[in-house]
Amino acid sequence: MSTPLLSVVVPAYNAADTVGACLVALQRQTYDGPYEVIVVDDGSTDETAALARAAGATVITTPRGRPAAARNSGARAARGAIVCFTDADCAPLPGWLVELTAPLADPTIVATKGTYATRQPSLVARFVQLEYEDKYDRLRTQATIDFIDTYSCAYRRDVLLLNGGFDERFHYLEDQELSFRLAARGYRMVFREAAIVEHRHSATLRDYLRKKATIGFWKALVVRRFPGQAVRDSHTPQVMKLQMALAGLGLLALAAGVMGLIIGWTAGGAWALAGAAALALLFLITTLPFVRKAWGKDRAVALAAPGLLFGRAVALAVGYLRGALAGNTLPAQSPPVAAAPPDPEAR
């Protein structure tokens, strides 16, 4: 029996400095069957489309519509029964396609999620990598998952399109929204650790904190649609939520203490500062499991981790609060196409 055609979709916006490496990596896959590579040029103003064509990819050019719209365009154009996604700033390892699609030999599985790796020397980027690895430790213990990131994933094309694809009203975390939606409808998805793509993580503290604040904002909108995911999902460590609360309360207590001392409310200010110190100690204690893991891999990151985790908690909390207070900021349009209940054989 012949090996089925696979489709790989790469959304790209002004990705001239990275898309070439991505496409070279896709050309070097060890998958022994046919596969097509579709680059969706999402309204780029640089040489992204020309570079992709020169590398032999099929190029679809669309008006600027954000990654969700680009991925949907690629999925609709795909000829393969399985559609794999990665990003233009990723370079999949040679065995990526083989590993990513292997679980889909089981007809009851509809999607798979892979992992990140990086070679970056930056302390922040190395911390980001260990942050992901901490989450992978959590995913590894679960037979099925409800959380898929599109930097390394595969979907059955018919299931993806039947369920409306990515919600294009989400400018960010559209992959989380889709995977939560599919999980709520009874579809089975799995983690495939060996499906690895190399990535350029945020390399500076400023970029990292800005990204986390953005994630927090859009997470609030996703959680508004799926309230149960605020309690637990297969990807997010529970301690992260505790750290967000401790960091927020600690900063409030610190501000109250300083203000109390300034206005002459000495006793109250002192109590507030003591509370802030206690919350800081509790926060530090919550970081110890991560520090312990990091110590065996990268001691510099381990030493910096408490401060970086505090910055992460504050940025996520601020972003989430903004999203929660923003109300329904999504455009008024019909939600994704409702799907019929999945076939029991596809569960």
C-alpha atoms as a PDB file:
ATOM      1  CA  MET A   1       0.000   0.000   0.000  1.00  0.00           C
ATOM      2  CA  SER A   2       1.394   3.421  -0.964  1.00  0.00           C
ATOM      3  CA  THR A   3       2.244   5.968   1.708  1.00  0.00           C
ATOM      4  CA  PRO A   4      -0.409   8.698   1.831  1.00  0.00           C
ATOM      5  CA  LEU A   5       0.249  12.286   0.841  1.00  0.00           C
ATOM      6  CA  LEU A   6       0.863  14.680   3.709  1.00  0.00           C
ATOM      7  CA  SER A   7       0.447  18.444   3.617  1.00  0.00           C
ATOM      8  CA  VAL A   8       2.634  20.841   5.598  1.00  0.00           C
ATOM      9  CA  VAL A   9       1.290  24.367   6.065  1.00  0.00           C
ATOM     10  CA  VAL A  10       3.577  27.222   7.122  1.00  0.00           C
ATOM     11  CA  PRO A  11       1.964  30.628   7.780  1.00  0.00           C
ATOM     12  CA  ALA A  12       4.481  33.408   7.191  1.00  0.00           C
ATOM     13  CA  TYR A  13       4.429  37.157   7.697  1.00  0.00           C
ATOM     14  CA  ASN A  14       7.576  39.156   6.903  1.00  0.00           C
ATOM     15  CA  ALA A  15       9.597  36.000   7.529  1.00  0.00           C
ATOM     16  CA  ALA A  16      12.357  36.529   4.976  1.00  0.00           C
ATOM     17  CA  ASP A  17      15.080  36.006   7.570  1.00  0.00           C
ATOM     18  CA  THR A  18      13.745  32.625   8.780  1.00  0.00           C
ATOM     19  CA  VAL A  19      11.540  30.987   6.146  1.00  0.00           C
ATOM     20  CA  GLY A  20      14.507  29.754   4.124  1.00  0.00           C
ATOM     21  CA  ALA A  21      15.889  27.678   6.994  1.00  0.00           C
ATOM     22  CA  CYS A  22      12.399  26.357   7.703  1.00  0.00           C
ATOM     23  CA  LEU A  23      11.930  25.173   4.123  1.00  0.00           C
ATOM     24  CA  VAL A  24      15.400  23.644   3.901  1.00  0.00           C
ATOM     25  CA  ALA A  25      14.601  21.656   7.046  1.00  0.00           C
ATOM     26  CA  LEU A  26      11.313  20.502   5.510  1.00  0.00           C
ATOM     27  CA  GLN A  27      13.155  19.361   2.366  1.00  0.00           C
ATOM     28  CA  ARG A  28      15.371  17.146   4.533  1.00  0.00           C
ATOM     29  CA  GLN A  29      12.582  15.125   6.121  1.00  0.00           C
ATOM     30  CA  THR A  30      13.045  11.353   6.319  1.00  0.00           C
ATOM     31  CA  TYR A  31       9.369  10.672   5.604  1.00  0.00           C
ATOM     32  CA  ASP A  32       9.425   8.177   2.721  1.00  0.00           C
ATOM     33  CA  GLY A  33       6.111   9.137   1.154  1.00  0.00           C
ATOM     34  CA  PRO A  34       4.946  12.183  -0.798  1.00  0.00           C
ATOM     35  CA  TYR A  35       4.326  15.473   0.980  1.00  0.00           C
ATOM     36  CA  GLU A  36       3.598  18.994  -0.133  1.00  0.00           C
ATOM     37  CA  VAL A  37       4.729  22.198   1.539  1.00  0.00           C
ATOM     38  CA  ILE A  38       2.358  25.168   1.426  1.00  0.00           C
ATOM     39  CA  VAL A  39       3.572  28.568   2.562  1.00  0.00           C
ATOM     40  CA  VAL A  40       0.745  31.017   3.199  1.00  0.00           C
ATOM     41  CA  ASP A  41       2.191  34.495   2.736  1.00  0.00           C
ATOM     42  CA  ASP A  42       0.024  36.523   5.096  1.00  0.00           C
ATOM     43  CA  GLY A  43       0.357  39.909   3.390  1.00  0.00           C
ATOM     44  CA  SER A  44       4.130  40.177   3.805  1.00  0.00           C
ATOM     45  CA  THR A  45       5.904  43.317   2.623  1.00  0.00           C
ATOM     46  CA  ASP A  46       9.319  41.642   2.325  1.00  0.00           C
ATOM     47  CA  GLU A  47      10.695  38.806   0.165  1.00  0.00           C
ATOM     48  CA  THR A  48       8.939  35.988   2.031  1.00  0.00           C
ATOM     49  CA  ALA A  49       6.836  34.814  -0.939  1.00  0.00           C
ATOM     50  CA  ALA A  50       9.697  34.951  -3.445  1.00  0.00           C
ATOM     51  CA  LEU A  51      12.036  33.025  -1.160  1.00  0.00           C
ATOM     52  CA  ALA A  52       9.370  30.377  -0.539  1.00  0.00           C
ATOM     53  CA  ARG A  53       8.748  29.920  -4.263  1.00  0.00           C
ATOM     54  CA  ALA A  54      12.468  29.679  -4.929  1.00  0.00           C
ATOM     55  CA  ALA A  55      12.658  26.912  -2.330  1.00  0.00           C
ATOM     56  CA  GLY A  56      10.002  24.923  -4.167  1.00  0.00           C
ATOM     57  CA  ALA A  57       7.054  25.505  -1.851  1.00  0.00           C
ATOM     58  CA  THR A  58       3.536  26.149  -3.053  1.00  0.00           C
ATOM     59  CA  VAL A  59       2.804  29.759  -2.111  1.00  0.00           C
ATOM     60  CA  ILE A  60      -0.618  31.196  -1.336  1.00  0.00           C
ATOM     61  CA  THR A  61      -0.696  34.961  -0.911  1.00  0.00           C
ATOM     62  CA  THR A  62      -3.474  36.414   1.226  1.00  0.00           C
ATOM     63  CA  PRO A  63      -4.249  39.842   2.677  1.00  0.00           C
ATOM     64  CA  ARG A  64      -2.957  40.336   6.216  1.00  0.00           C
ATOM     65  CA  GLY A  65      -5.271  38.227   8.334  1.00  0.00           C
ATOM     66  CA  ARG A  66      -3.173  36.845  11.197  1.00  0.00           C
ATOM     67  CA  PRO A  67      -2.051  33.215  11.673  1.00  0.00           C
ATOM     68  CA  ALA A  68      -5.529  31.712  12.147  1.00  0.00           C
ATOM     69  CA  ALA A  69      -6.702  32.902   8.736  1.00  0.00           C
ATOM     70  CA  ALA A  70      -3.430  31.871   7.094  1.00  0.00           C
ATOM     71  CA  ARG A  71      -3.638  28.364   8.540  1.00  0.00           C
ATOM     72  CA  ASN A  72      -7.240  28.009   7.434  1.00  0.00           C
ATOM     73  CA  SER A  73      -6.291  29.061   3.897  1.00  0.00           C
ATOM     74  CA  GLY A  74      -3.514  26.497   3.870  1.00  0.00           C
ATOM     75  CA  ALA A  75      -5.748  23.730   5.230  1.00  0.00           C
ATOM     76  CA  ARG A  76      -8.396  24.417   2.603  1.00  0.00           C
ATOM     77  CA  ALA A  77      -5.780  24.275  -0.177  1.00  0.00           C
ATOM     78  CA  ALA A  78      -4.091  21.144   1.196  1.00  0.00           C
ATOM     79  CA  ARG A  79      -4.437  17.896  -0.748  1.00  0.00           C
ATOM     80  CA  GLY A  80      -3.311  15.584   2.044  1.00  0.00           C
ATOM     81  CA  ALA A  81      -5.678  13.826   4.440  1.00  0.00           C
ATOM     82  CA  ILE A  82      -3.344  14.917   7.250  1.00  0.00           C
ATOM     83  CA  VAL A  83      -2.295  18.558   7.575  1.00  0.00           C
ATOM     84  CA  CYS A  84       0.847  19.333   9.566  1.00  0.00           C
ATOM     85  CA  PHE A  85       1.611  22.819  10.832  1.00  0.00           C
ATOM     86  CA  THR A  86       4.800  24.554  11.827  1.00  0.00           C
ATOM     87  CA  ASP A  87       5.879  28.197  11.900  1.00  0.00           C
ATOM     88  CA  ALA A  88       8.212  30.117   9.621  1.00  0.00           C
ATOM     89  CA  ASP A  89      10.671  30.683  12.493  1.00  0.00           C
ATOM     90  CA  CYS A  90      10.920  26.933  13.156  1.00  0.00           C
ATOM     91  CA  ALA A  91      13.276  24.366  11.601  1.00  0.00           C
ATOM     92  CA  PRO A  92      11.850  20.840  11.986  1.00  0.00           C
ATOM     93  CA  LEU A  93      14.375  18.091  12.667  1.00  0.00           C
ATOM     94  CA  PRO A  94      14.687  15.434   9.917  1.00  0.00           C
ATOM     95  CA  GLY A  95      12.400  12.918  11.624  1.00  0.00           C
ATOM     96  CA  TRP A  96       9.692  15.477  12.404  1.00  0.00           C
ATOM     97  CA  LEU A  97       7.109  14.390   9.844  1.00  0.00           C
ATOM     98  CA  VAL A  98       7.579  10.700  10.654  1.00  0.00           C
ATOM     99  CA  GLU A  99       7.212  11.247  14.394  1.00  0.00           C
ATOM    100  CA  LEU A 100       4.388  13.775  14.172  1.00  0.00           C
ATOM    101  CA  THR A 101       2.171  11.615  11.996  1.00  0.00           C
ATOM    102  CA  ALA A 102       2.947   8.199  13.494  1.00  0.00           C
ATOM    103  CA  PRO A 103       0.182   8.357  16.156  1.00  0.00           C
ATOM    104  CA  LEU A 104      -2.391   9.067  13.426  1.00  0.00           C
ATOM    105  CA  ALA A 105      -2.063   5.484  12.249  1.00  0.00           C
ATOM    106  CA  ASP A 106      -4.599   4.963  15.038  1.00  0.00           C
ATOM    107  CA  PRO A 107      -7.911   6.085  13.504  1.00  0.00           C
ATOM    108  CA  THR A 108      -9.237   7.123  16.924  1.00  0.00           C
ATOM    109  CA  ILE A 109      -6.638   9.930  17.191  1.00  0.00           C
ATOM    110  CA  VAL A 110      -7.333  13.153  15.309  1.00  0.00           C
ATOM    111  CA  ALA A 111      -4.372  15.390  16.213  1.00  0.00           C
ATOM    112  CA  THR A 112      -0.829  15.348  17.592  1.00  0.00           C
ATOM    113  CA  LYS A 113       1.437  17.890  19.261  1.00  0.00           C
ATOM    114  CA  GLY A 114       5.233  18.001  19.127  1.00  0.00           C
ATOM    115  CA  THR A 115       7.952  19.946  20.932  1.00  0.00           C
ATOM    116  CA  TYR A 116      10.419  22.828  20.754  1.00  0.00           C
ATOM    117  CA  ALA A 117      14.208  22.775  20.943  1.00  0.00           C
ATOM    118  CA  THR A 118      16.661  25.658  20.617  1.00  0.00           C
ATOM    119  CA  ARG A 119      20.385  26.326  20.231  1.00  0.00           C
ATOM    120  CA  GLN A 120      20.244  29.936  21.375  1.00  0.00           C
ATOM    121  CA  PRO A 121      22.899  31.078  23.863  1.00  0.00           C
ATOM    122  CA  SER A 122      20.771  33.828  25.456  1.00  0.00           C
ATOM    123  CA  LEU A 123      19.939  33.234  29.134  1.00  0.00           C
ATOM    124  CA  VAL A 124      16.314  34.224  28.540  1.00  0.00           C
ATOM    125  CA  ALA A 125      15.972  31.884  25.555  1.00  0.00           C
ATOM    126  CA  ARG A 126      17.497  29.035  27.567  1.00  0.00           C
ATOM    127  CA  PHE A 127      15.014  29.754  30.352  1.00  0.00           C
ATOM    128  CA  VAL A 128      12.136  29.688  27.841  1.00  0.00           C
ATOM    129  CA  GLN A 129      13.299  26.282  26.620  1.00  0.00           C
ATOM    130  CA  LEU A 130      13.375  24.870  30.150  1.00  0.00           C
ATOM    131  CA  GLU A 131       9.962  26.427  30.751  1.00  0.00           C
ATOM    132  CA  TYR A 132       8.609  24.430  27.802  1.00  0.00           C
ATOM    133  CA  GLU A 133      10.376  21.293  28.972  1.00  0.00           C
ATOM    134  CA  ASP A 134       8.682  21.665  32.340  1.00  0.00           C
ATOM    135  CA  LYS A 135       5.343  21.650  30.540  1.00  0.00           C
ATOM    136  CA  TYR A 136       6.399  18.677  28.420  1.00  0.00           C
ATOM    137  CA  ASP A 137       7.049  16.756  31.637  1.00  0.00           C
ATOM    138  CA  ARG A 138       3.392  17.312  32.456  1.00  0.00           C
ATOM    139  CA  LEU A 139       2.152  16.313  28.994  1.00  0.00           C
ATOM    140  CA  ARG A 140       4.270  13.159  28.965  1.00  0.00           C
ATOM    141  CA  THR A 141       2.192  11.612  31.749  1.00  0.00           C
ATOM    142  CA  GLN A 142      -1.147  11.943  29.929  1.00  0.00           C
ATOM    143  CA  ALA A 143      -2.625   9.439  27.488  1.00  0.00           C
ATOM    144  CA  THR A 144      -4.604  12.181  25.730  1.00  0.00           C
ATOM    145  CA  ILE A 145      -4.302  15.959  25.808  1.00  0.00           C
ATOM    146  CA  ASP A 146      -6.529  18.986  25.275  1.00  0.00           C
ATOM    147  CA  PHE A 147      -3.842  21.530  24.378  1.00  0.00           C
ATOM    148  CA  ILE A 148      -2.072  21.747  21.010  1.00  0.00           C
ATOM    149  CA  ASP A 149       0.333  24.443  19.814  1.00  0.00           C
ATOM    150  CA  THR A 150       0.675  24.960  16.083  1.00  0.00           C
ATOM    151  CA  TYR A 151       4.462  25.281  16.041  1.00  0.00           C
ATOM    152  CA  SER A 152       4.545  21.459  15.781  1.00  0.00           C
ATOM    153  CA  CYS A 153       1.227  19.716  15.217  1.00  0.00           C
ATOM    154  CA  ALA A 154      -0.847  17.642  12.830  1.00  0.00           C
ATOM    155  CA  TYR A 155      -4.610  17.359  12.319  1.00  0.00           C
ATOM    156  CA  ARG A 156      -6.816  15.132  10.256  1.00  0.00           C
ATOM    157  CA  ARG A 157      -7.906  17.599   7.583  1.00  0.00           C
ATOM    158  CA  ASP A 158     -11.540  16.461   7.502  1.00  0.00           C
ATOM    159  CA  VAL A 159     -11.902  16.871  11.273  1.00  0.00           C
ATOM    160  CA  LEU A 160     -10.225  20.277  11.169  1.00  0.00           C
ATOM    161  CA  LEU A 161     -12.524  21.599   8.441  1.00  0.00           C
ATOM    162  CA  LEU A 162     -15.666  19.928   9.793  1.00  0.00           C
ATOM    163  CA  ASN A 163     -15.136  21.776  13.052  1.00  0.00           C
ATOM    164  CA  GLY A 164     -14.677  25.197  11.467  1.00  0.00           C
ATOM    165  CA  GLY A 165     -10.882  25.359  11.552  1.00  0.00           C
ATOM    166  CA  PHE A 166      -9.133  28.050  13.558  1.00  0.00           C
ATOM    167  CA  ASP A 167     -11.349  30.853  14.822  1.00  0.00           C
ATOM    168  CA  GLU A 168     -10.061  33.835  12.862  1.00  0.00           C
ATOM    169  CA  ARG A 169     -11.322  36.285  15.460  1.00  0.00           C
ATOM    170  CA  PHE A 170      -8.448  35.214  17.715  1.00  0.00           C
ATOM    171  CA  HIS A 171      -5.261  37.053  16.808  1.00  0.00           C
ATOM    172  CA  TYR A 172      -3.354  34.896  19.301  1.00  0.00           C
ATOM    173  CA  LEU A 173      -3.892  31.539  21.035  1.00  0.00           C
ATOM    174  CA  GLU A 174      -6.183  30.433  18.222  1.00  0.00           C
ATOM    175  CA  ASP A 175      -4.494  27.036  18.496  1.00  0.00           C
ATOM    176  CA  GLN A 176      -5.510  26.727  22.145  1.00  0.00           C
ATOM    177  CA  GLU A 177      -9.078  27.712  21.346  1.00  0.00           C
ATOM    178  CA  LEU A 178      -9.284  25.062  18.609  1.00  0.00           C
ATOM    179  CA  SER A 179      -7.806  22.271  20.726  1.00  0.00           C
ATOM    180  CA  PHE A 180     -10.090  23.087  23.659  1.00  0.00           C
ATOM    181  CA  ARG A 181     -13.036  23.046  21.257  1.00  0.00           C
ATOM    182  CA  LEU A 182     -12.099  19.671  19.820  1.00  0.00           C
ATOM    183  CA  ALA A 183     -11.499  18.189  23.262  1.00  0.00           C
ATOM    184  CA  ALA A 184     -14.902  19.432  24.419  1.00  0.00           C
ATOM    185  CA  ARG A 185     -16.452  17.604  21.456  1.00  0.00           C
ATOM    186  CA  GLY A 186     -14.846  14.308  22.381  1.00  0.00           C
ATOM    187  CA  TYR A 187     -11.942  14.099  19.951  1.00  0.00           C
ATOM    188  CA  ARG A 188      -8.708  12.386  21.008  1.00  0.00           C
ATOM    189  CA  MET A 189      -5.370  14.196  20.708  1.00  0.00           C
ATOM    190  CA  VAL A 190      -1.921  13.049  21.841  1.00  0.00           C
ATOM    191  CA  PHE A 191       1.532  14.372  22.696  1.00  0.00           C
ATOM    192  CA  ARG A 192       4.454  13.217  20.519  1.00  0.00           C
ATOM    193  CA  GLU A 193       7.633  14.342  22.221  1.00  0.00           C
ATOM    194  CA  ALA A 194       9.975  13.231  19.429  1.00  0.00           C
ATOM    195  CA  ALA A 195       8.328  15.538  16.837  1.00  0.00           C
ATOM    196  CA  ILE A 196      10.862  18.324  17.372  1.00  0.00           C
ATOM    197  CA  VAL A 197      11.273  21.718  15.762  1.00  0.00           C
ATOM    198  CA  GLU A 198      14.101  24.111  16.537  1.00  0.00           C
ATOM    199  CA  HIS A 199      12.840  27.606  17.328  1.00  0.00           C
ATOM    200  CA  ARG A 200      14.042  31.115  18.041  1.00  0.00           C
ATOM    201  CA  HIS A 201      12.632  31.855  21.479  1.00  0.00           C
ATOM    202  CA  SER A 202      12.387  35.360  22.926  1.00  0.00           C
ATOM    203  CA  ALA A 203      16.016  36.275  23.589  1.00  0.00           C
ATOM    204  CA  THR A 204      15.556  39.407  25.724  1.00  0.00           C
ATOM    205  CA  LEU A 205      13.624  39.973  28.919  1.00  0.00           C
ATOM    206  CA  ARG A 206      11.600  42.757  27.323  1.00  0.00           C
ATOM    207  CA  ASP A 207      10.452  40.567  24.423  1.00  0.00           C
ATOM    208  CA  TYR A 208       9.689  37.688  26.768  1.00  0.00           C
ATOM    209  CA  LEU A 209       7.557  39.757  29.152  1.00  0.00           C
ATOM    210  CA  ARG A 210       5.718  41.443  26.274  1.00  0.00           C
ATOM    211  CA  LYS A 211       4.879  38.027  24.836  1.00  0.00           C
ATOM    212  CA  LYS A 212       3.643  36.744  28.197  1.00  0.00           C
ATOM    213  CA  ALA A 213       1.417  39.791  28.657  1.00  0.00           C
ATOM    214  CA  THR A 214      -0.072  39.141  25.203  1.00  0.00           C
ATOM    215  CA  ILE A 215      -0.650  35.500  26.083  1.00  0.00           C
ATOM    216  CA  GLY A 216      -2.379  36.544  29.297  1.00  0.00           C
ATOM    217  CA  PHE A 217      -4.732  38.888  27.440  1.00  0.00           C
ATOM    218  CA  TRP A 218      -5.845  36.319  24.873  1.00  0.00           C
ATOM    219  CA  LYS A 219      -5.974  33.564  27.484  1.00  0.00           C
ATOM    220  CA  ALA A 220      -8.702  35.523  29.249  1.00  0.00           C
ATOM    221  CA  LEU A 221     -10.747  35.497  26.024  1.00  0.00           C
ATOM    222  CA  VAL A 222     -10.182  31.773  25.510  1.00  0.00           C
ATOM    223  CA  VAL A 223     -11.183  31.030  29.101  1.00  0.00           C
ATOM    224  CA  ARG A 224     -14.330  33.111  28.693  1.00  0.00           C
ATOM    225  CA  ARG A 225     -15.364  30.617  26.009  1.00  0.00           C
ATOM    226  CA  PHE A 226     -14.132  27.542  27.932  1.00  0.00           C
ATOM    227  CA  PRO A 227     -14.422  28.356  31.661  1.00  0.00           C
ATOM    228  CA  GLY A 228     -13.401  24.875  32.717  1.00  0.00           C
ATOM    229  CA  GLN A 229      -9.942  25.412  31.264  1.00  0.00           C
ATOM    230  CA  ALA A 230      -9.272  28.074  33.884  1.00  0.00           C
ATOM    231  CA  VAL A 231      -9.252  25.274  36.438  1.00  0.00           C
ATOM    232  CA  ARG A 232      -7.073  22.811  34.581  1.00  0.00           C
ATOM    233  CA  ASP A 233      -5.709  21.886  31.166  1.00  0.00           C
ATOM    234  CA  SER A 234      -3.198  19.287  30.090  1.00  0.00           C
ATOM    235  CA  HIS A 235      -0.400  21.794  29.407  1.00  0.00           C
ATOM    236  CA  THR A 236      -0.380  24.517  32.069  1.00  0.00           C
ATOM    237  CA  PRO A 237       1.303  23.749  35.429  1.00  0.00           C
ATOM    238  CA  GLN A 238      -1.098  24.465  38.272  1.00  0.00           C
ATOM    239  CA  VAL A 239       1.659  26.276  40.158  1.00  0.00           C
ATOM    240  CA  MET A 240       1.709  28.970  37.470  1.00  0.00           C
ATOM    241  CA  LYS A 241      -1.754  30.141  38.521  1.00  0.00           C
ATOM    242  CA  LEU A 242      -0.706  30.214  42.174  1.00  0.00           C
ATOM    243  CA  GLN A 243       2.366  32.237  41.247  1.00  0.00           C
ATOM    244  CA  MET A 244       0.247  34.764  39.366  1.00  0.00           C
ATOM    245  CA  ALA A 245      -1.925  35.257  42.457  1.00  0.00           C
ATOM    246  CA  LEU A 246       1.042  35.495  44.852  1.00  0.00           C
ATOM    247  CA  ALA A 247       2.886  37.973  42.626  1.00  0.00           C
ATOM    248  CA  GLY A 248      -0.178  40.170  42.214  1.00  0.00           C
ATOM    249  CA  LEU A 249      -1.054  40.159  45.913  1.00  0.00           C
ATOM    250  CA  GLY A 250       2.582  40.709  46.864  1.00  0.00           C
ATOM    251  CA  LEU A 251       2.883  43.808  44.689  1.00  0.00           C
ATOM    252  CA  LEU A 252      -0.378  45.181  46.075  1.00  0.00           C
ATOM    253  CA  ALA A 253       0.826  44.593  49.633  1.00  0.00           C
ATOM    254  CA  LEU A 254       4.149  46.254  48.842  1.00  0.00           C
ATOM    255  CA  ALA A 255       2.418  49.292  47.352  1.00  0.00           C
ATOM    256  CA  ALA A 256       0.089  49.522  50.366  1.00  0.00           C
ATOM    257  CA  GLY A 257       3.038  49.303  52.737  1.00  0.00           C
ATOM    258  CA  VAL A 258       5.030  52.020  51.013  1.00  0.00           C
ATOM    259  CA  MET A 259       1.985  54.267  50.801  1.00  0.00           C
ATOM    260  CA  GLY A 260       1.236  53.674  54.468  1.00  0.00           C
ATOM    261  CA  LEU A 261       4.714  54.786  55.469  1.00  0.00           C
ATOM    262  CA  ILE A 262       4.517  57.832  53.215  1.00  0.00           C
ATOM    263  CA  ILE A 263       1.226  59.061  54.684  1.00  0.00           C
ATOM    264  CA  GLY A 264       2.285  58.316  58.259  1.00  0.00           C
ATOM    265  CA  TRP A 265       0.228  55.169  58.784  1.00  0.00           C
ATOM    266  CA  THR A 266       3.306  53.526  60.260  1.00  0.00           C
ATOM    267  CA  ALA A 267       1.764  50.447  61.885  1.00  0.00           C
ATOM    268  CA  GLY A 268      -0.460  49.637  58.922  1.00  0.00           C
ATOM    269  CA  GLY A 269       2.392  50.195  56.495  1.00  0.00           C
ATOM    270  CA  ALA A 270       4.652  47.906  58.485  1.00  0.00           C
ATOM    271  CA  TRP A 271       2.030  45.159  58.516  1.00  0.00           C
ATOM    272  CA  ALA A 272       1.509  45.496  54.762  1.00  0.00           C
ATOM    273  CA  LEU A 273       5.264  45.263  54.157  1.00  0.00           C
ATOM    274  CA  ALA A 274       5.435  42.187  56.367  1.00  0.00           C
ATOM    275  CA  GLY A 275       2.626  40.671  54.327  1.00  0.00           C
ATOM    276  CA  ALA A 276       4.500  41.467  51.119  1.00  0.00           C
ATOM    277  CA  ALA A 277       7.614  39.764  52.516  1.00  0.00           C
ATOM    278  CA  ALA A 278       5.597  36.676  53.468  1.00  0.00           C
ATOM    279  CA  LEU A 279       4.046  36.503  50.013  1.00  0.00           C
ATOM    280  CA  ALA A 280       7.492  36.872  48.438  1.00  0.00           C
ATOM    281  CA  LEU A 281       8.753  33.971  50.537  1.00  0.00           C
ATOM    282  CA  LEU A 282       5.785  31.827  49.512  1.00  0.00           C
ATOM    283  CA  PHE A 283       6.437  32.720  45.885  1.00  0.00           C
ATOM    284  CA  LEU A 284      10.088  31.728  46.225  1.00  0.00           C
ATOM    285  CA  ILE A 285       9.064  28.368  47.694  1.00  0.00           C
ATOM    286  CA  THR A 286       6.798  27.700  44.699  1.00  0.00           C
ATOM    287  CA  THR A 287       9.765  28.175  42.338  1.00  0.00           C
ATOM    288  CA  LEU A 288      11.923  25.498  43.982  1.00  0.00           C
ATOM    289  CA  PRO A 289      10.660  22.519  41.910  1.00  0.00           C
ATOM    290  CA  PHE A 290      11.490  24.388  38.682  1.00  0.00           C
ATOM    291  CA  VAL A 291      14.864  25.495  40.074  1.00  0.00           C
ATOM    292  CA  ARG A 292      15.638  21.898  41.019  1.00  0.00           C
ATOM    293  CA  LYS A 293      14.855  20.666  37.492  1.00  0.00           C
ATOM    294  CA  ALA A 294      16.841  23.490  35.905  1.00  0.00           C
ATOM    295  CA  TRP A 295      19.851  22.930  38.159  1.00  0.00           C
ATOM    296  CA  GLY A 296      20.625  19.624  36.484  1.00  0.00           C
ATOM    297  CA  LYS A 297      20.423  21.150  32.999  1.00  0.00           C
ATOM    298  CA  ASP A 298      21.578  24.769  33.184  1.00  0.00           C
ATOM    299  CA  ARG A 299      22.746  26.213  36.507  1.00  0.00           C
ATOM    300  CA  ALA A 300      22.777  29.806  35.289  1.00  0.00           C
ATOM    301  CA  VAL A 301      19.117  29.503  34.354  1.00  0.00           C
ATOM    302  CA  ALA A 302      18.380  27.825  37.680  1.00  0.00           C
ATOM    303  CA  LEU A 303      19.873  30.760  39.586  1.00  0.00           C
ATOM    304  CA  ALA A 304      17.955  33.300  37.487  1.00  0.00           C
ATOM    305  CA  ALA A 305      14.711  31.310  37.500  1.00  0.00           C
ATOM    306  CA  PRO A 306      13.002  32.819  40.588  1.00  0.00           C
ATOM    307  CA  GLY A 307      13.283  36.333  39.154  1.00  0.00           C
ATOM    308  CA  LEU A 308      12.245  35.245  35.677  1.00  0.00           C
ATOM    309  CA  LEU A 309       9.300  33.275  37.032  1.00  0.00           C
ATOM    310  CA  PHE A 310       8.226  36.347  39.016  1.00  0.00           C
ATOM    311  CA  GLY A 311       8.371  38.450  35.853  1.00  0.00           C
ATOM    312  CA  ARG A 312       6.363  35.791  34.019  1.00  0.00           C
ATOM    313  CA  ALA A 313       3.717  35.740  36.741  1.00  0.00           C
ATOM    314  CA  VAL A 314       3.336  39.530  36.755  1.00  0.00           C
ATOM    315  CA  ALA A 315       3.189  39.805  32.954  1.00  0.00           C
ATOM    316  CA  LEU A 316       0.627  37.000  32.663  1.00  0.00           C
ATOM    317  CA  ALA A 317      -1.477  38.453  35.489  1.00  0.00           C
ATOM    318  CA  VAL A 318      -1.468  41.959  33.992  1.00  0.00           C
ATOM    319  CA  GLY A 319      -2.356  40.638  30.550  1.00  0.00           C
ATOM    320  CA  TYR A 320      -5.062  38.364  31.920  1.00  0.00           C
ATOM    321  CA  LEU A 321      -6.586  41.196  33.960  1.00  0.00           C
ATOM    322  CA  ARG A 322      -6.671  43.406  30.874  1.00  0.00           C
ATOM    323  CA  GLY A 323      -8.378  40.652  28.916  1.00  0.00           C
ATOM    324  CA  ALA A 324     -10.860  39.952  31.683  1.00  0.00           C
ATOM    325  CA  LEU A 325     -11.773  43.638  31.976  1.00  0.00           C
ATOM    326  CA  ALA A 326     -11.936  44.196  28.229  1.00  0.00           C
ATOM    327  CA  GLY A 327     -15.217  42.329  27.856  1.00  0.00           C
ATOM    328  CA  ASN A 328     -15.974  40.644  24.556  1.00  0.00           C
ATOM    329  CA  THR A 329     -13.412  42.237  22.232  1.00  0.00           C
ATOM    330  CA  LEU A 330     -13.931  39.712  19.440  1.00  0.00           C
ATOM    331  CA  PRO A 331     -15.615  40.998  16.270  1.00  0.00           C
ATOM    332  CA  ALA A 332     -19.341  40.350  16.021  1.00  0.00           C
ATOM    333  CA  GLN A 333     -19.567  37.486  13.589  1.00  0.00           C
ATOM    334  CA  SER A 334     -20.813  33.938  13.546  1.00  0.00           C
ATOM    335  CA  PRO A 335     -18.780  31.478  15.611  1.00  0.00           C
ATOM    336  CA  PRO A 336     -16.939  28.625  13.901  1.00  0.00           C
ATOM    337  CA  VAL A 337     -19.094  26.131  12.049  1.00  0.00           C
ATOM    338  CA  ALA A 338     -20.700  23.747  14.501  1.00  0.00           C
ATOM    339  CA  ALA A 339     -19.705  20.172  13.909  1.00  0.00           C
ATOM    340  CA  ALA A 340     -21.753  17.044  14.079  1.00  0.00           C
ATOM    341  CA  PRO A 341     -20.760  14.798  16.989  1.00  0.00           C
ATOM    342  CA  PRO A 342     -17.646  12.831  16.074  1.00  0.00           C
ATOM    343  CA  ASP A 343     -17.991   9.312  14.825  1.00  0.00           C
ATOM    344  CA  PRO A 344     -17.436   6.904  17.725  1.00  0.00           C
ATOM    345  CA  GLU A 345     -14.690   5.309  15.619  1.00  0.00           C
ATOM    346  CA  ALA A 346     -12.838   8.650  15.614  1.00  0.00           C
ATOM    347  CA  ARG A 347     -12.864   9.086  19.350  1.00  0.00           C
END
